Structure formats: structure tokens, C-alpha cells
Protein backbone atom coordinates (compact mmCIF):
# COMPACT_ATOMS: atom_id res chain seq x y z
CA MET A 1 47.14 62.26 -72.71
CA SER A 2 44.51 64.88 -73.33
CA PRO A 3 42.50 66.04 -70.30
CA VAL A 4 39.43 66.26 -72.51
CA THR A 5 39.68 63.07 -74.55
CA PRO A 6 41.12 60.16 -72.53
CA ALA A 7 43.34 57.93 -74.64
CA TRP A 8 44.48 54.85 -72.71
CA SER A 9 45.91 53.44 -75.94
CA LEU A 10 48.39 56.34 -76.09
CA VAL A 11 49.67 55.95 -72.51
CA ASP A 12 53.04 54.20 -72.17
CA LYS A 13 52.36 50.99 -70.27
CA THR A 14 54.15 48.17 -68.49
CA HIS A 15 52.61 44.85 -69.49
CA LEU A 16 52.29 41.76 -67.31
CA VAL A 17 53.13 43.46 -64.00
CA PRO A 18 53.86 40.78 -61.33
CA CYS A 19 51.64 40.80 -58.25
CA PRO A 20 53.39 42.92 -55.58
CA LEU A 21 51.92 40.83 -52.78
CA CYS A 22 52.98 37.31 -53.82
CA ASP A 23 55.01 37.75 -57.04
CA GLY A 24 52.30 35.86 -58.90
CA ARG A 25 52.19 36.04 -62.69
CA GLN A 26 48.90 34.30 -63.43
CA PHE A 27 45.82 36.54 -63.54
CA ARG A 28 42.15 36.34 -64.36
CA VAL A 29 40.62 39.26 -66.23
CA LEU A 30 37.74 40.59 -64.12
CA ILE A 31 36.65 43.73 -65.94
CA GLU A 32 37.68 45.58 -69.09
CA SER A 33 35.97 48.90 -68.58
CA ASP A 34 36.25 51.88 -66.24
CA ARG A 35 34.87 55.27 -65.24
CA TYR A 36 36.37 57.12 -68.20
CA ASP A 37 35.76 54.42 -70.83
CA MET A 38 39.52 54.00 -71.36
CA ASP A 39 39.32 50.19 -71.72
CA LEU A 40 41.30 49.80 -68.51
CA GLN A 41 41.80 46.14 -67.59
CA THR A 42 41.38 45.00 -63.99
CA VAL A 43 42.63 41.53 -63.10
CA GLY A 44 42.83 39.25 -60.07
CA CYS A 45 45.98 37.40 -59.02
CA MET A 46 45.38 33.65 -59.20
CA ASP A 47 47.79 33.01 -56.32
CA CYS A 48 46.63 35.48 -53.64
CA GLY A 49 43.49 37.20 -54.98
CA LEU A 50 44.82 40.80 -55.07
CA ALA A 51 42.89 42.90 -57.62
CA MET A 52 44.93 45.30 -59.74
CA SER A 53 45.24 47.06 -63.09
CA ASN A 54 47.32 45.07 -65.54
CA PRO A 55 48.88 46.44 -67.72
CA GLN A 56 49.78 49.64 -65.81
CA PRO A 57 51.08 53.07 -66.90
CA THR A 58 54.87 53.39 -66.70
CA PRO A 59 56.35 55.51 -63.85
CA ALA A 60 57.07 58.33 -66.32
CA ALA A 61 53.49 58.21 -67.63
CA LEU A 62 52.14 58.32 -64.06
CA ASP A 63 54.34 61.31 -63.18
CA GLU A 64 53.08 63.14 -66.25
CA PHE A 65 49.49 62.24 -65.42
CA TYR A 66 49.60 63.46 -61.80
CA THR A 67 51.49 66.65 -62.59
CA HIS A 68 49.40 67.80 -65.54
CA HIS A 69 46.18 65.81 -65.98
CA TYR A 70 44.87 64.24 -62.77
CA ARG A 71 42.91 67.29 -61.61
CA HIS A 72 41.09 67.52 -64.95
CA TYR A 73 39.53 64.14 -64.15
CA TYR A 74 39.22 64.31 -60.36
CA GLN A 75 36.33 66.63 -59.42
CA LYS A 76 37.12 68.76 -62.51
CA VAL A 77 38.89 71.39 -60.39
CA GLU A 78 42.18 72.97 -61.45
CA GLN A 79 42.37 75.76 -58.85
CA PRO A 80 41.48 74.94 -55.22
CA SER A 81 39.61 77.47 -53.11
CA GLU A 82 37.75 77.78 -49.83
CA ALA A 83 34.50 77.36 -51.76
CA TYR A 84 35.80 74.13 -53.33
CA ILE A 85 36.75 72.82 -49.89
CA ARG A 86 33.28 73.58 -48.50
CA GLU A 87 31.45 72.19 -51.55
CA TYR A 88 33.14 68.79 -51.26
CA ARG A 89 33.18 68.95 -47.44
CA LYS A 90 36.89 68.30 -47.44
CA ASP A 91 37.33 70.22 -44.21
CA GLU A 92 34.80 67.96 -42.47
CA ARG A 93 36.45 64.83 -43.79
CA ALA A 94 39.90 66.08 -42.77
CA ALA A 95 38.68 66.96 -39.27
CA GLU A 96 37.31 63.44 -38.90
CA THR A 97 40.69 61.97 -39.92
CA ALA A 98 42.56 64.25 -37.52
CA SER A 99 40.22 63.30 -34.67
CA TYR A 100 40.75 59.59 -35.39
CA LEU A 101 44.54 59.99 -35.37
CA ARG A 102 44.42 61.81 -32.05
CA SER A 103 42.14 59.14 -30.56
CA GLN A 104 44.70 56.48 -31.56
CA GLY A 105 47.47 58.34 -29.74
CA VAL A 106 49.64 58.85 -32.82
CA LEU A 107 49.47 62.66 -32.93
CA PRO A 108 52.36 64.00 -30.79
CA LYS A 109 52.06 67.60 -29.66
CA ASP A 110 55.50 68.62 -30.90
CA GLY A 111 56.04 66.01 -33.61
CA SER A 112 56.54 66.07 -37.35
CA VAL A 113 53.97 64.92 -39.92
CA LEU A 114 54.44 64.05 -43.59
CA ASP A 115 51.33 63.99 -45.81
CA ILE A 116 51.98 62.30 -49.16
CA GLY A 117 49.53 63.39 -51.84
CA ALA A 118 48.47 66.29 -49.63
CA SER A 119 46.24 67.89 -52.27
CA GLU A 120 45.03 71.29 -51.01
CA GLY A 121 46.34 70.63 -47.48
CA CYS A 122 43.06 70.05 -45.63
CA ILE A 123 44.32 67.17 -43.48
CA LEU A 124 47.46 69.05 -42.48
CA LYS A 125 45.36 72.09 -41.56
CA ALA A 126 43.03 69.93 -39.47
CA LEU A 127 46.05 68.47 -37.66
CA ARG A 128 47.46 71.94 -37.00
CA ASP A 129 44.07 73.04 -35.64
CA LEU A 130 44.36 70.23 -33.07
CA GLU A 131 48.09 70.55 -32.38
CA PRO A 132 49.53 73.98 -33.36
CA GLY A 133 53.08 72.86 -32.49
CA LEU A 134 53.31 70.24 -35.23
CA HIS A 135 55.93 70.51 -37.98
CA LEU A 136 54.04 69.80 -41.21
CA VAL A 137 55.49 68.64 -44.53
CA ALA A 138 53.49 68.02 -47.72
CA VAL A 139 54.33 66.04 -50.84
CA GLU A 140 52.04 67.15 -53.67
CA PRO A 141 52.99 66.82 -57.37
CA ASN A 142 50.45 69.34 -58.63
CA PRO A 143 52.09 72.78 -58.23
CA THR A 144 48.81 74.70 -58.00
CA PHE A 145 47.36 72.50 -55.27
CA GLY A 146 50.72 72.38 -53.51
CA ALA A 147 50.98 76.18 -53.40
CA PHE A 148 47.47 76.37 -51.93
CA ALA A 149 48.41 73.78 -49.27
CA VAL A 150 51.37 75.91 -48.15
CA THR A 151 49.07 78.88 -47.52
CA HIS A 152 46.14 76.87 -46.19
CA ALA A 153 48.04 74.63 -43.76
CA GLY A 154 51.30 76.45 -43.16
CA CYS A 155 53.37 73.48 -44.32
CA THR A 156 56.63 72.91 -46.14
CA LEU A 157 56.11 71.63 -49.71
CA HIS A 158 57.92 69.11 -51.93
CA GLN A 159 56.72 67.86 -55.31
CA SER A 160 58.08 64.35 -54.71
CA LEU A 161 59.44 62.17 -51.92
CA GLU A 162 63.02 62.30 -53.21
CA PRO A 163 64.08 65.62 -51.58
CA VAL A 164 62.51 64.48 -48.30
CA LYS A 165 64.65 61.33 -48.33
CA ALA A 166 67.72 63.28 -49.43
CA ALA A 167 67.35 65.63 -46.45
CA GLY A 168 67.42 62.71 -44.02
CA SER A 169 64.13 63.82 -42.44
CA HIS A 170 62.22 61.58 -40.03
CA PHE A 171 58.57 61.78 -39.04
CA ASP A 172 56.30 60.77 -36.18
CA LEU A 173 53.39 60.30 -38.55
CA ILE A 174 53.24 59.65 -42.30
CA ILE A 175 49.85 59.93 -44.00
CA LEU A 176 48.70 58.33 -47.26
CA ASN A 177 45.04 59.30 -47.48
CA HIS A 178 43.53 57.71 -50.60
CA VAL A 179 47.00 57.58 -52.10
CA PHE A 180 48.23 54.02 -51.48
CA GLU A 181 46.00 52.58 -54.21
CA HIS A 182 47.73 54.91 -56.69
CA LEU A 183 51.25 53.59 -56.07
CA ALA A 184 52.90 51.39 -58.69
CA SER A 185 55.01 49.49 -56.11
CA PRO A 186 53.12 49.55 -52.80
CA VAL A 187 55.37 47.09 -50.94
CA ASP A 188 58.61 48.82 -51.94
CA TYR A 189 57.11 52.22 -51.16
CA LEU A 190 56.06 51.13 -47.67
CA GLN A 191 59.56 49.86 -47.01
CA GLU A 192 60.97 53.25 -48.07
CA LEU A 193 58.54 55.08 -45.78
CA SER A 194 59.46 52.86 -42.84
CA GLN A 195 62.99 54.25 -43.07
CA LEU A 196 61.60 57.77 -42.58
CA LEU A 197 59.83 57.02 -39.28
CA THR A 198 61.05 58.02 -35.84
CA PRO A 199 61.09 55.21 -33.24
CA ARG A 200 57.60 56.26 -32.13
CA GLY A 201 56.37 56.85 -35.67
CA CYS A 202 53.33 55.41 -37.46
CA ILE A 203 52.07 55.23 -41.03
CA TYR A 204 48.38 55.97 -41.62
CA ILE A 205 46.79 54.55 -44.78
CA ASP A 206 43.23 55.07 -45.99
CA VAL A 207 42.04 53.35 -49.21
CA PRO A 208 38.74 52.61 -50.96
CA ASP A 209 37.16 49.36 -49.74
CA LEU A 210 36.85 46.84 -52.57
CA ALA A 211 33.99 45.16 -50.70
CA HIS A 212 31.85 48.27 -51.29
CA TYR A 213 32.58 49.15 -54.92
CA THR A 214 29.38 50.32 -56.57
CA GLY A 215 30.11 50.47 -60.30
CA LEU A 216 32.49 51.68 -62.98
CA GLU A 217 33.07 54.94 -61.09
CA SER A 218 35.23 52.91 -58.67
CA LEU A 219 37.64 52.00 -61.48
CA HIS A 220 39.89 54.49 -63.24
CA ILE A 221 43.43 55.04 -64.49
CA ALA A 222 44.68 56.53 -61.20
CA HIS A 223 43.81 53.48 -59.06
CA LEU A 224 46.29 50.68 -59.74
CA TYR A 225 45.28 48.39 -56.84
CA HIS A 226 42.00 47.49 -55.16
CA PHE A 227 42.28 46.37 -51.54
CA SER A 228 40.23 44.31 -49.15
CA GLN A 229 41.06 44.31 -45.46
CA ARG A 230 42.94 41.02 -45.93
CA THR A 231 45.07 42.11 -48.88
CA LEU A 232 45.87 45.54 -47.37
CA SER A 233 47.04 43.85 -44.17
CA ALA A 234 49.06 41.29 -46.17
CA VAL A 235 50.80 44.01 -48.21
CA ALA A 236 51.75 45.79 -44.97
CA ARG A 237 53.21 42.61 -43.47
CA ARG A 238 55.15 41.85 -46.62
CA ALA A 239 56.74 45.32 -46.32
CA GLY A 240 57.81 44.48 -42.76
CA CYS A 241 55.17 46.57 -41.01
CA GLU A 242 53.14 45.68 -37.95
CA VAL A 243 49.41 46.34 -38.22
CA LYS A 244 48.33 48.27 -35.11
CA ALA A 245 44.77 49.02 -36.22
CA LEU A 246 42.63 48.22 -39.26
CA GLU A 247 38.93 48.93 -39.80
CA ALA A 248 36.26 49.79 -42.34
CA HIS A 249 34.74 53.26 -42.17
CA ALA A 250 32.56 55.66 -44.15
CA PRO A 251 34.24 59.05 -44.78
CA VAL A 252 32.18 62.15 -45.45
CA MET A 253 31.34 62.46 -49.18
CA HIS A 254 33.78 59.70 -50.08
CA PRO A 255 33.62 56.00 -50.97
CA LYS A 256 33.42 53.52 -48.11
CA SER A 257 36.99 52.86 -47.11
CA ILE A 258 39.53 50.93 -45.04
CA ARG A 259 41.96 52.69 -42.71
CA THR A 260 44.98 51.23 -40.98
CA LEU A 261 47.84 52.28 -38.71
CA LEU A 262 51.21 50.62 -39.23
CA LYS A 263 54.40 50.49 -37.20
CA ALA A 264 57.80 49.74 -38.66
CA GLY A 265 59.51 46.64 -37.40
CA GLY A 266 59.68 43.00 -38.18
CA LYS A 267 61.23 41.22 -41.10
CA PRO A 268 59.54 41.52 -44.50
CA ALA A 269 57.91 38.21 -45.27
CA THR A 270 56.21 36.82 -48.35
CA PRO A 271 52.82 35.53 -47.20
CA PRO A 272 52.11 31.84 -47.77
CA PRO A 273 49.81 31.12 -50.72
CA SER A 274 46.27 31.86 -49.59
CA PHE A 275 44.06 32.35 -52.61
CA LEU A 276 40.85 34.14 -51.67
CA PRO A 277 39.10 36.03 -54.47
CA GLU A 278 37.63 38.79 -52.30
CA GLY A 279 35.71 41.30 -54.38
CA TRP A 280 36.03 39.32 -57.59
CA ASP A 281 32.31 38.51 -57.71
CA LEU A 282 31.56 42.22 -57.29
CA LEU A 283 33.91 43.23 -60.12
CA LEU A 284 32.54 40.49 -62.38
CA CYS A 285 29.00 41.72 -61.64
CA ILE A 286 30.03 45.30 -62.50
CA ASN A 287 31.56 43.96 -65.72
CA ARG A 288 28.34 42.17 -66.66
CA LYS A 289 26.29 45.29 -66.00
CA ALA A 290 28.73 47.40 -68.03
CA GLY A 291 28.54 44.91 -70.88
CA ARG A 292 24.74 45.03 -70.88
CA TYR A 293 24.85 48.84 -70.82
CA HIS A 294 27.24 49.04 -73.78
CA ARG A 295 25.25 46.44 -75.74
CA ARG A 296 21.99 48.28 -74.98
CA ARG A 297 23.55 51.61 -75.97
CA TRP A 298 24.80 50.07 -79.23
CA SER A 299 21.40 48.48 -79.89
CA LEU A 300 19.52 51.72 -79.23
CA SER A 301 21.93 53.60 -81.48
CA ARG A 302 21.39 51.05 -84.25
CA ARG A 303 17.59 51.19 -83.91
CA LEU A 304 17.65 55.00 -83.88
CA LYS A 305 19.79 55.06 -87.00
CA LEU A 306 17.42 52.61 -88.72
CA TRP A 307 14.38 54.66 -87.66
CA LEU A 308 15.94 57.90 -88.98
CA THR A 309 16.90 56.23 -92.24
CA THR A 310 13.34 54.96 -92.66
CA ARG A 311 11.83 58.35 -91.84
CA LEU A 312 14.15 60.17 -94.19
CA SER A 313 13.42 57.74 -97.00
CA ARG A 314 9.70 58.59 -96.70
CA ARG A 315 10.25 62.31 -97.16
CA PRO A 316 9.09 63.77 -100.51
CA ARG A 317 11.94 64.14 -102.93
CA VAL A 318 12.90 67.72 -103.69
CA VAL A 319 13.76 68.23 -107.33
CA ALA A 320 15.46 71.38 -108.56
CA CYS A 321 13.47 73.20 -111.22
């Protein structure tokens, strides 16, 4: 997929992905447009109401996208820097996250922290600023951003979770900051992460809040799932996690979001059918507005073409002598 010309039609896709929350296979199409005009299709599960992309890129296509293309789309930055961090106020946002984690009592002085999708390492640096004795590990698929994180935060780097699991490492805190919505199999992934926790360990998840989506910019190829507080909590319980805290919040220079703290424990359980189409009306409204925009753009283009044709036809003919 070209970083300049998005081509959703060329991405290898898995069609008719079952709902990871309830295994449902009946969906309603809510919107067929997105931020990058890729014709991405967002649907709602008719059994539980979870909103998701369907079809979805294959795991191989997602790996290729995050390693080579994601940064071309996200903030248009290929090389992180201190100036980039200040411009997007990433240091402020990270400091706010670190302060929240400390206030919840999940930041041990001598513990180990794993940040999945660590980007340029701002959250890990903010954690080290609060607790210099922490052992920090980053998972970041983009090699340029990962290398910056090592210098910026003083962390150990892996490009995927596999070597972390292979090493038998365990962590007191695992962070997925605006990462969980990107995962193809969120329930399975949470179950895997639960195996990496120490007995005192917690998982911190922060995701965009579907209840506050504002337009097509909230929808793009990287976000496979769209969570409300209810569906995020239900996914956690299905993975066998206990929800210790869950709340809406407004990060600095970021979409309004939901954050939660999870503890491992309990038996994974499929939630009983509880259809509640949270956020569907919002997505349908965005779809209607997008449709009007595209129709208006097409209509204006047609009128402009007609006007130009008329104007050109009135020009004096030039005849060669």
C-alpha cells in the first residue's frame, strides 16, 4: 500500500470477521467511508452492538502497514524528535498518564513495565521521571520510532511481543495506550497479556471513546474496533480480566477517550446476549453527513464542468491562416 495514495482495494483482507465479544456473525453496515477515503466499512454486531471494521486487513497486511506505512498517515512524521514531541504535546499527555497510574497505586518503585506500541517512548520516559528504578520494556514495530524510544526513555526494545513471551518475562504493569483498538483479536490478546503479569500486575488500556466521535477523522484503517465503556468492559471480562477502574477522560491534544485498569483472574466468560447499539446513531449520522458531502462535491464538480464547457464554447474560434 502506497503511503501517498491509499488503496484499500489492494490490501489483503479477511472477510466476515466474527465479533470477538459474542461470536456474532450478523452485522449492520453503519458507515462506508473513512478519514482517508479508502471505502473502509464499519459495521455493528447485531447480537451485542460492538462496532468494528469488517472486512479487516489480514495479520500480514497489518504487520506490513505498521512497520512501513503507519507513520506516513499518522501525524505525517517519519522521524521523531524533541520538537515533534513538544509540537503535539506528547510529553504533557504522557505525564498525565503517568500521574494517573501513580494515583491508582499501580506504579511500583522497583517494578517492571511493558509498553506495547510505545511509539517514541514518551510514556515510558514519564514513568521513569516519576520512578527512576523502574525496568522499562517497549514493543514498537517501527524501527525508527523504536530506536528513538531507547534513547529517550532508556528502555529495552522489541519489535513484537513474541520475543518478550519467549523470554518468559513478567511485568507489574502493561500499557496499551491507544493501541487496543488496533488489535485484530482483542480478547485473545488480553488473555496472552494476562499470562505476562506478576501477581500484583495490572493492564492499563486507553482507547478512543465511541460516544464522542466527531466525524470521518475518527475512522481509519488502523482502528479495527470502536469501544464504548460497556463494550470495553465486556471484552475485558470475556478475556478473564477483572475491571478495577474504568472512566471517560479528555487527554491533551487527543480524542476524548476511555481508560481502564484490569487485573488478571477469573474465568473467561462469554457475556449473555445484551444488544445495545451504543454509538450507532452517531456513526449513522456521520455516514449521512459524509454522503451529503460527497454528493455535494460531485454536484459542484458537475456544475463547474458544465460552466467551463459553456464558457469555452463561447470563445471565438481561432482559425489558422
